Amino acid sequence: MGKYIKYYAVGTQGILFMIVLLLLGYWIGCQIDPESFWPGFLAALGALSGLLSFICLLWKLLKEEDRKKNAKQMGN
């Protein structure tokens, strides 16, 4: 049960982080020039960087789970 709660928390955190970076990129783009391509471009860049960090965090979490599982099997 605890493993699923951890995945839910990480998933929620990742989605919110992507949204925050998207909004931050849009805001910075509007500060540069609201009529140009910058708001959309920086919003997309923020969302992609949020997605990349989310994938890296999930990968690290899965590797940690495997490491704990292997250590437990070696100990028995």
PDB file of N, CA and C in Angstrom:
ATOM      1  N   MET A   1       0.821  -1.196   0.000  1.00  0.00           N
ATOM      2  CA  MET A   1       0.000   0.000   0.000  1.00  0.00           C
ATOM      3  C   MET A   1       0.866   1.262   0.000  1.00  0.00           C
ATOM      4  N   GLY A   2       1.963   1.232   0.754  1.00  0.00           N
ATOM      5  CA  GLY A   2       2.827   2.402   0.850  1.00  0.00           C
ATOM      6  C   GLY A   2       3.497   2.753  -0.462  1.00  0.00           C
ATOM      7  N   LYS A   3       3.789   1.713  -1.273  1.00  0.00           N
ATOM      8  CA  LYS A   3       4.439   1.954  -2.555  1.00  0.00           C
ATOM      9  C   LYS A   3       3.520   2.749  -3.485  1.00  0.00           C
ATOM     10  N   TYR A   4       2.244   2.419  -3.482  1.00  0.00           N
ATOM     11  CA  TYR A   4       1.301   3.109  -4.359  1.00  0.00           C
ATOM     12  C   TYR A   4       1.072   4.548  -3.917  1.00  0.00           C
ATOM     13  N   ILE A   5       1.095   4.770  -2.618  1.00  0.00           N
ATOM     14  CA  ILE A   5       0.958   6.138  -2.114  1.00  0.00           C
ATOM     15  C   ILE A   5       2.160   6.975  -2.552  1.00  0.00           C
ATOM     16  N   LYS A   6       3.343   6.360  -2.519  1.00  0.00           N
ATOM     17  CA  LYS A   6       4.554   7.067  -2.949  1.00  0.00           C
ATOM     18  C   LYS A   6       4.469   7.428  -4.434  1.00  0.00           C
ATOM     19  N   TYR A   7       4.019   6.491  -5.266  1.00  0.00           N
ATOM     20  CA  TYR A   7       3.884   6.767  -6.694  1.00  0.00           C
ATOM     21  C   TYR A   7       2.834   7.842  -6.962  1.00  0.00           C
ATOM     22  N   TYR A   8       1.741   7.810  -6.215  1.00  0.00           N
ATOM     23  CA  TYR A   8       0.700   8.826  -6.374  1.00  0.00           C
ATOM     24  C   TYR A   8       1.241  10.208  -6.007  1.00  0.00           C
ATOM     25  N   ALA A   9       1.986  10.272  -4.910  1.00  0.00           N
ATOM     26  CA  ALA A   9       2.549  11.555  -4.479  1.00  0.00           C
ATOM     27  C   ALA A   9       3.556  12.077  -5.500  1.00  0.00           C
ATOM     28  N   VAL A  10       4.399  11.196  -6.013  1.00  0.00           N
ATOM     29  CA  VAL A  10       5.394  11.615  -7.005  1.00  0.00           C
ATOM     30  C   VAL A  10       4.702  12.031  -8.302  1.00  0.00           C
ATOM     31  N   GLY A  11       3.671  11.305  -8.706  1.00  0.00           N
ATOM     32  CA  GLY A  11       2.929  11.664  -9.914  1.00  0.00           C
ATOM     33  C   GLY A  11       2.250  13.015  -9.793  1.00  0.00           C
ATOM     34  N   THR A  12       1.621  13.246  -8.656  1.00  0.00           N
ATOM     35  CA  THR A  12       0.965  14.531  -8.425  1.00  0.00           C
ATOM     36  C   THR A  12       1.982  15.664  -8.406  1.00  0.00           C
ATOM     37  N   GLN A  13       3.102  15.428  -7.741  1.00  0.00           N
ATOM     38  CA  GLN A  13       4.154  16.439  -7.683  1.00  0.00           C
ATOM     39  C   GLN A  13       4.698  16.730  -9.079  1.00  0.00           C
ATOM     40  N   GLY A  14       4.896  15.702  -9.884  1.00  0.00           N
ATOM     41  CA  GLY A  14       5.417  15.897 -11.231  1.00  0.00           C
ATOM     42  C   GLY A  14       4.477  16.682 -12.119  1.00  0.00           C
ATOM     43  N   ILE A  15       3.188  16.370 -12.039  1.00  0.00           N
ATOM     44  CA  ILE A  15       2.205  17.088 -12.855  1.00  0.00           C
ATOM     45  C   ILE A  15       2.120  18.553 -12.432  1.00  0.00           C
ATOM     46  N   LEU A  16       2.092  18.793 -11.131  1.00  0.00           N
ATOM     47  CA  LEU A  16       2.037  20.177 -10.657  1.00  0.00           C
ATOM     48  C   LEU A  16       3.302  20.947 -11.027  1.00  0.00           C
ATOM     49  N   PHE A  17       4.461  20.281 -10.970  1.00  0.00           N
ATOM     50  CA  PHE A  17       5.717  20.922 -11.339  1.00  0.00           C
ATOM     51  C   PHE A  17       5.702  21.303 -12.818  1.00  0.00           C
ATOM     52  N   MET A  18       5.163  20.418 -13.673  1.00  0.00           N
ATOM     53  CA  MET A  18       5.062  20.731 -15.097  1.00  0.00           C
ATOM     54  C   MET A  18       4.153  21.936 -15.324  1.00  0.00           C
ATOM     55  N   ILE A  19       3.044  21.989 -14.614  1.00  0.00           N
ATOM     56  CA  ILE A  19       2.108  23.109 -14.771  1.00  0.00           C
ATOM     57  C   ILE A  19       2.745  24.416 -14.309  1.00  0.00           C
ATOM     58  N   VAL A  20       3.464  24.360 -13.185  1.00  0.00           N
ATOM     59  CA  VAL A  20       4.113  25.574 -12.673  1.00  0.00           C
ATOM     60  C   VAL A  20       5.162  26.075 -13.660  1.00  0.00           C
ATOM     61  N   LEU A  21       5.975  25.171 -14.204  1.00  0.00           N
ATOM     62  CA  LEU A  21       6.985  25.599 -15.176  1.00  0.00           C
ATOM     63  C   LEU A  21       6.348  26.114 -16.459  1.00  0.00           C
ATOM     64  N   LEU A  22       5.239  25.513 -16.871  1.00  0.00           N
ATOM     65  CA  LEU A  22       4.525  25.996 -18.045  1.00  0.00           C
ATOM     66  C   LEU A  22       4.030  27.419 -17.817  1.00  0.00           C
ATOM     67  N   LEU A  23       3.410  27.657 -16.672  1.00  0.00           N
ATOM     68  CA  LEU A  23       2.900  28.999 -16.373  1.00  0.00           C
ATOM     69  C   LEU A  23       4.028  30.013 -16.206  1.00  0.00           C
ATOM     70  N   LEU A  24       5.125  29.585 -15.610  1.00  0.00           N
ATOM     71  CA  LEU A  24       6.273  30.476 -15.459  1.00  0.00           C
ATOM     72  C   LEU A  24       6.844  30.858 -16.824  1.00  0.00           C
ATOM     73  N   GLY A  25       6.964  29.877 -17.719  1.00  0.00           N
ATOM     74  CA  GLY A  25       7.443  30.173 -19.065  1.00  0.00           C
ATOM     75  C   GLY A  25       6.515  31.108 -19.813  1.00  0.00           C
ATOM     76  N   TYR A  26       5.219  30.904 -19.659  1.00  0.00           N
ATOM     77  CA  TYR A  26       4.249  31.790 -20.312  1.00  0.00           C
ATOM     78  C   TYR A  26       4.349  33.207 -19.758  1.00  0.00           C
ATOM     79  N   TRP A  27       4.484  33.321 -18.446  1.00  0.00           N
ATOM     80  CA  TRP A  27       4.579  34.647 -17.820  1.00  0.00           C
ATOM     81  C   TRP A  27       5.844  35.376 -18.278  1.00  0.00           C
ATOM     82  N   ILE A  28       6.969  34.653 -18.299  1.00  0.00           N
ATOM     83  CA  ILE A  28       8.219  35.276 -18.754  1.00  0.00           C
ATOM     84  C   ILE A  28       8.095  35.687 -20.219  1.00  0.00           C
ATOM     85  N   GLY A  29       7.475  34.835 -21.036  1.00  0.00           N
ATOM     86  CA  GLY A  29       7.273  35.176 -22.444  1.00  0.00           C
ATOM     87  C   GLY A  29       6.403  36.403 -22.621  1.00  0.00           C
ATOM     88  N   CYS A  30       5.376  36.542 -21.791  1.00  0.00           N
ATOM     89  CA  CYS A  30       4.518  37.738 -21.865  1.00  0.00           C
ATOM     90  C   CYS A  30       5.267  38.981 -21.404  1.00  0.00           C
ATOM     91  N   GLN A  31       6.206  38.829 -20.483  1.00  0.00           N
ATOM     92  CA  GLN A  31       7.008  39.968 -20.044  1.00  0.00           C
ATOM     93  C   GLN A  31       7.963  40.419 -21.150  1.00  0.00           C
ATOM     94  N   ILE A  32       8.437  39.478 -21.961  1.00  0.00           N
ATOM     95  CA  ILE A  32       9.335  39.829 -23.068  1.00  0.00           C
ATOM     96  C   ILE A  32       8.549  40.572 -24.150  1.00  0.00           C
ATOM     97  N   ASP A  33       7.528  39.916 -24.693  1.00  0.00           N
ATOM     98  CA  ASP A  33       6.682  40.527 -25.732  1.00  0.00           C
ATOM     99  C   ASP A  33       5.422  39.677 -25.876  1.00  0.00           C
ATOM    100  N   PRO A  34       4.286  40.183 -25.424  1.00  0.00           N
ATOM    101  CA  PRO A  34       3.060  39.371 -25.461  1.00  0.00           C
ATOM    102  C   PRO A  34       2.549  39.060 -26.868  1.00  0.00           C
ATOM    103  N   GLU A  35       2.954  39.820 -27.854  1.00  0.00           N
ATOM    104  CA  GLU A  35       2.453  39.619 -29.217  1.00  0.00           C
ATOM    105  C   GLU A  35       3.362  38.718 -30.053  1.00  0.00           C
ATOM    106  N   SER A  36       4.479  38.279 -29.503  1.00  0.00           N
ATOM    107  CA  SER A  36       5.420  37.469 -30.278  1.00  0.00           C
ATOM    108  C   SER A  36       5.198  35.983 -29.989  1.00  0.00           C
ATOM    109  N   PHE A  37       6.127  35.175 -30.456  1.00  0.00           N
ATOM    110  CA  PHE A  37       6.046  33.731 -30.255  1.00  0.00           C
ATOM    111  C   PHE A  37       6.580  33.302 -28.891  1.00  0.00           C
ATOM    112  N   TRP A  38       7.196  34.221 -28.137  1.00  0.00           N
ATOM    113  CA  TRP A  38       7.856  33.860 -26.882  1.00  0.00           C
ATOM    114  C   TRP A  38       6.948  33.229 -25.827  1.00  0.00           C
ATOM    115  N   PRO A  39       5.747  33.713 -25.582  1.00  0.00           N
ATOM    116  CA  PRO A  39       4.925  33.068 -24.543  1.00  0.00           C
ATOM    117  C   PRO A  39       4.666  31.584 -24.816  1.00  0.00           C
ATOM    118  N   GLY A  40       4.301  31.255 -26.025  1.00  0.00           N
ATOM    119  CA  GLY A  40       4.047  29.849 -26.369  1.00  0.00           C
ATOM    120  C   GLY A  40       5.301  29.004 -26.342  1.00  0.00           C
ATOM    121  N   PHE A  41       6.378  29.569 -26.876  1.00  0.00           N
ATOM    122  CA  PHE A  41       7.638  28.836 -26.925  1.00  0.00           C
ATOM    123  C   PHE A  41       8.169  28.547 -25.526  1.00  0.00           C
ATOM    124  N   LEU A  42       8.187  29.563 -24.668  1.00  0.00           N
ATOM    125  CA  LEU A  42       8.710  29.366 -23.316  1.00  0.00           C
ATOM    126  C   LEU A  42       7.782  28.506 -22.462  1.00  0.00           C
ATOM    127  N   ALA A  43       6.480  28.574 -22.718  1.00  0.00           N
ATOM    128  CA  ALA A  43       5.548  27.694 -22.012  1.00  0.00           C
ATOM    129  C   ALA A  43       5.800  26.238 -22.400  1.00  0.00           C
ATOM    130  N   ALA A  44       6.000  25.988 -23.691  1.00  0.00           N
ATOM    131  CA  ALA A  44       6.293  24.627 -24.145  1.00  0.00           C
ATOM    132  C   ALA A  44       7.633  24.147 -23.602  1.00  0.00           C
ATOM    133  N   LEU A  45       8.615  25.026 -23.583  1.00  0.00           N
ATOM    134  CA  LEU A  45       9.926  24.675 -23.038  1.00  0.00           C
ATOM    135  C   LEU A  45       9.829  24.348 -21.547  1.00  0.00           C
ATOM    136  N   GLY A  46       9.050  25.122 -20.813  1.00  0.00           N
ATOM    137  CA  GLY A  46       8.849  24.854 -19.394  1.00  0.00           C
ATOM    138  C   GLY A  46       8.153  23.529 -19.161  1.00  0.00           C
ATOM    139  N   ALA A  47       7.126  23.236 -19.964  1.00  0.00           N
ATOM    140  CA  ALA A  47       6.413  21.967 -19.823  1.00  0.00           C
ATOM    141  C   ALA A  47       7.326  20.789 -20.149  1.00  0.00           C
ATOM    142  N   LEU A  48       8.154  20.926 -21.186  1.00  0.00           N
ATOM    143  CA  LEU A  48       9.073  19.843 -21.540  1.00  0.00           C
ATOM    144  C   LEU A  48      10.139  19.624 -20.476  1.00  0.00           C
ATOM    145  N   SER A  49      10.656  20.701 -19.908  1.00  0.00           N
ATOM    146  CA  SER A  49      11.655  20.535 -18.846  1.00  0.00           C
ATOM    147  C   SER A  49      11.014  19.937 -17.598  1.00  0.00           C
ATOM    148  N   GLY A  50       9.764  20.288 -17.316  1.00  0.00           N
ATOM    149  CA  GLY A  50       9.055  19.669 -16.201  1.00  0.00           C
ATOM    150  C   GLY A  50       8.820  18.190 -16.439  1.00  0.00           C
ATOM    151  N   LEU A  51       8.474  17.827 -17.673  1.00  0.00           N
ATOM    152  CA  LEU A  51       8.270  16.424 -18.017  1.00  0.00           C
ATOM    153  C   LEU A  51       9.571  15.640 -17.900  1.00  0.00           C
ATOM    154  N   LEU A  52      10.667  16.217 -18.371  1.00  0.00           N
ATOM    155  CA  LEU A  52      11.960  15.551 -18.286  1.00  0.00           C
ATOM    156  C   LEU A  52      12.375  15.330 -16.834  1.00  0.00           C
ATOM    157  N   SER A  53      12.197  16.329 -15.988  1.00  0.00           N
ATOM    158  CA  SER A  53      12.557  16.163 -14.577  1.00  0.00           C
ATOM    159  C   SER A  53      11.647  15.141 -13.904  1.00  0.00           C
ATOM    160  N   PHE A  54      10.378  15.081 -14.304  1.00  0.00           N
ATOM    161  CA  PHE A  54       9.441  14.103 -13.763  1.00  0.00           C
ATOM    162  C   PHE A  54       9.863  12.687 -14.152  1.00  0.00           C
ATOM    163  N   ILE A  55      10.261  12.485 -15.396  1.00  0.00           N
ATOM    164  CA  ILE A  55      10.711  11.170 -15.848  1.00  0.00           C
ATOM    165  C   ILE A  55      11.982  10.760 -15.115  1.00  0.00           C
ATOM    166  N   CYS A  56      12.912  11.687 -14.933  1.00  0.00           N
ATOM    167  CA  CYS A  56      14.148  11.384 -14.201  1.00  0.00           C
ATOM    168  C   CYS A  56      13.855  11.005 -12.756  1.00  0.00           C
ATOM    169  N   LEU A  57      12.927  11.691 -12.130  1.00  0.00           N
ATOM    170  CA  LEU A  57      12.554  11.383 -10.752  1.00  0.00           C
ATOM    171  C   LEU A  57      11.915  10.002 -10.656  1.00  0.00           C
ATOM    172  N   LEU A  58      11.031   9.667 -11.593  1.00  0.00           N
ATOM    173  CA  LEU A  58      10.422   8.339 -11.589  1.00  0.00           C
ATOM    174  C   LEU A  58      11.457   7.250 -11.826  1.00  0.00           C
ATOM    175  N   TRP A  59      12.391   7.499 -12.724  1.00  0.00           N
ATOM    176  CA  TRP A  59      13.428   6.517 -13.010  1.00  0.00           C
ATOM    177  C   TRP A  59      14.285   6.279 -11.767  1.00  0.00           C
ATOM    178  N   LYS A  60      14.648   7.350 -11.091  1.00  0.00           N
ATOM    179  CA  LYS A  60      15.439   7.231  -9.871  1.00  0.00           C
ATOM    180  C   LYS A  60      14.669   6.455  -8.802  1.00  0.00           C
ATOM    181  N   LEU A  61      13.382   6.714  -8.680  1.00  0.00           N
ATOM    182  CA  LEU A  61      12.553   6.014  -7.706  1.00  0.00           C
ATOM    183  C   LEU A  61      12.473   4.524  -8.026  1.00  0.00           C
ATOM    184  N   LEU A  62      12.303   4.181  -9.298  1.00  0.00           N
ATOM    185  CA  LEU A  62      12.236   2.775  -9.686  1.00  0.00           C
ATOM    186  C   LEU A  62      13.570   2.066  -9.471  1.00  0.00           C
ATOM    187  N   LYS A  63      14.676   2.738  -9.758  1.00  0.00           N
ATOM    188  CA  LYS A  63      15.987   2.139  -9.513  1.00  0.00           C
ATOM    189  C   LYS A  63      16.207   1.903  -8.029  1.00  0.00           C
ATOM    190  N   GLU A  64      15.738   2.825  -7.192  1.00  0.00           N
ATOM    191  CA  GLU A  64      15.865   2.665  -5.747  1.00  0.00           C
ATOM    192  C   GLU A  64      15.040   1.474  -5.266  1.00  0.00           C
ATOM    193  N   GLU A  65      13.842   1.299  -5.818  1.00  0.00           N
ATOM    194  CA  GLU A  65      12.995   0.157  -5.462  1.00  0.00           C
ATOM    195  C   GLU A  65      13.688  -1.150  -5.841  1.00  0.00           C
ATOM    196  N   ASP A  66      14.279  -1.207  -7.046  1.00  0.00           N
ATOM    197  CA  ASP A  66      14.988  -2.413  -7.472  1.00  0.00           C
ATOM    198  C   ASP A  66      16.191  -2.697  -6.588  1.00  0.00           C
ATOM    199  N   ARG A  67      16.897  -1.657  -6.200  1.00  0.00           N
ATOM    200  CA  ARG A  67      18.072  -1.827  -5.350  1.00  0.00           C
ATOM    201  C   ARG A  67      17.671  -2.395  -3.990  1.00  0.00           C
ATOM    202  N   LYS A  68      16.581  -1.890  -3.428  1.00  0.00           N
ATOM    203  CA  LYS A  68      16.095  -2.407  -2.147  1.00  0.00           C
ATOM    204  C   LYS A  68      15.635  -3.853  -2.279  1.00  0.00           C
ATOM    205  N   LYS A  69      14.971  -4.165  -3.391  1.00  0.00           N
ATOM    206  CA  LYS A  69      14.488  -5.528  -3.624  1.00  0.00           C
ATOM    207  C   LYS A  69      15.659  -6.499  -3.756  1.00  0.00           C
ATOM    208  N   ASN A  70      16.694  -6.101  -4.498  1.00  0.00           N
ATOM    209  CA  ASN A  70      17.869  -6.957  -4.669  1.00  0.00           C
ATOM    210  C   ASN A  70      18.634  -7.121  -3.364  1.00  0.00           C
ATOM    211  N   ALA A  71      18.728  -6.067  -2.572  1.00  0.00           N
ATOM    212  CA  ALA A  71      19.421  -6.156  -1.287  1.00  0.00           C
ATOM    213  C   ALA A  71      18.669  -7.079  -0.341  1.00  0.00           C
ATOM    214  N   LYS A  72      17.366  -7.048  -0.399  1.00  0.00           N
ATOM    215  CA  LYS A  72      16.553  -7.919   0.454  1.00  0.00           C
ATOM    216  C   LYS A  72      16.722  -9.373   0.039  1.00  0.00           C
ATOM    217  N   GLN A  73      16.787  -9.645  -1.273  1.00  0.00           N
ATOM    218  CA  GLN A  73      16.969 -11.009  -1.753  1.00  0.00           C
ATOM    219  C   GLN A  73      18.358 -11.531  -1.420  1.00  0.00           C
ATOM    220  N   MET A  74      19.362 -10.692  -1.464  1.00  0.00           N
ATOM    221  CA  MET A  74      20.727 -11.112  -1.138  1.00  0.00           C
ATOM    222  C   MET A  74      20.869 -11.397   0.349  1.00  0.00           C
ATOM    223  N   GLY A  75      20.102 -10.686   1.155  1.00  0.00           N
ATOM    224  CA  GLY A  75      20.169 -10.867   2.601  1.00  0.00           C
ATOM    225  C   GLY A  75      19.517 -12.153   3.065  1.00  0.00           C
ATOM    226  N   ASN A  76      18.590 -12.687   2.281  1.00  0.00           N
ATOM    227  CA  ASN A  76      17.883 -13.913   2.682  1.00  0.00           C
ATOM    228  C   ASN A  76      18.606 -15.118   2.264  1.00  0.00           C
TER     229      ASN A  76
END
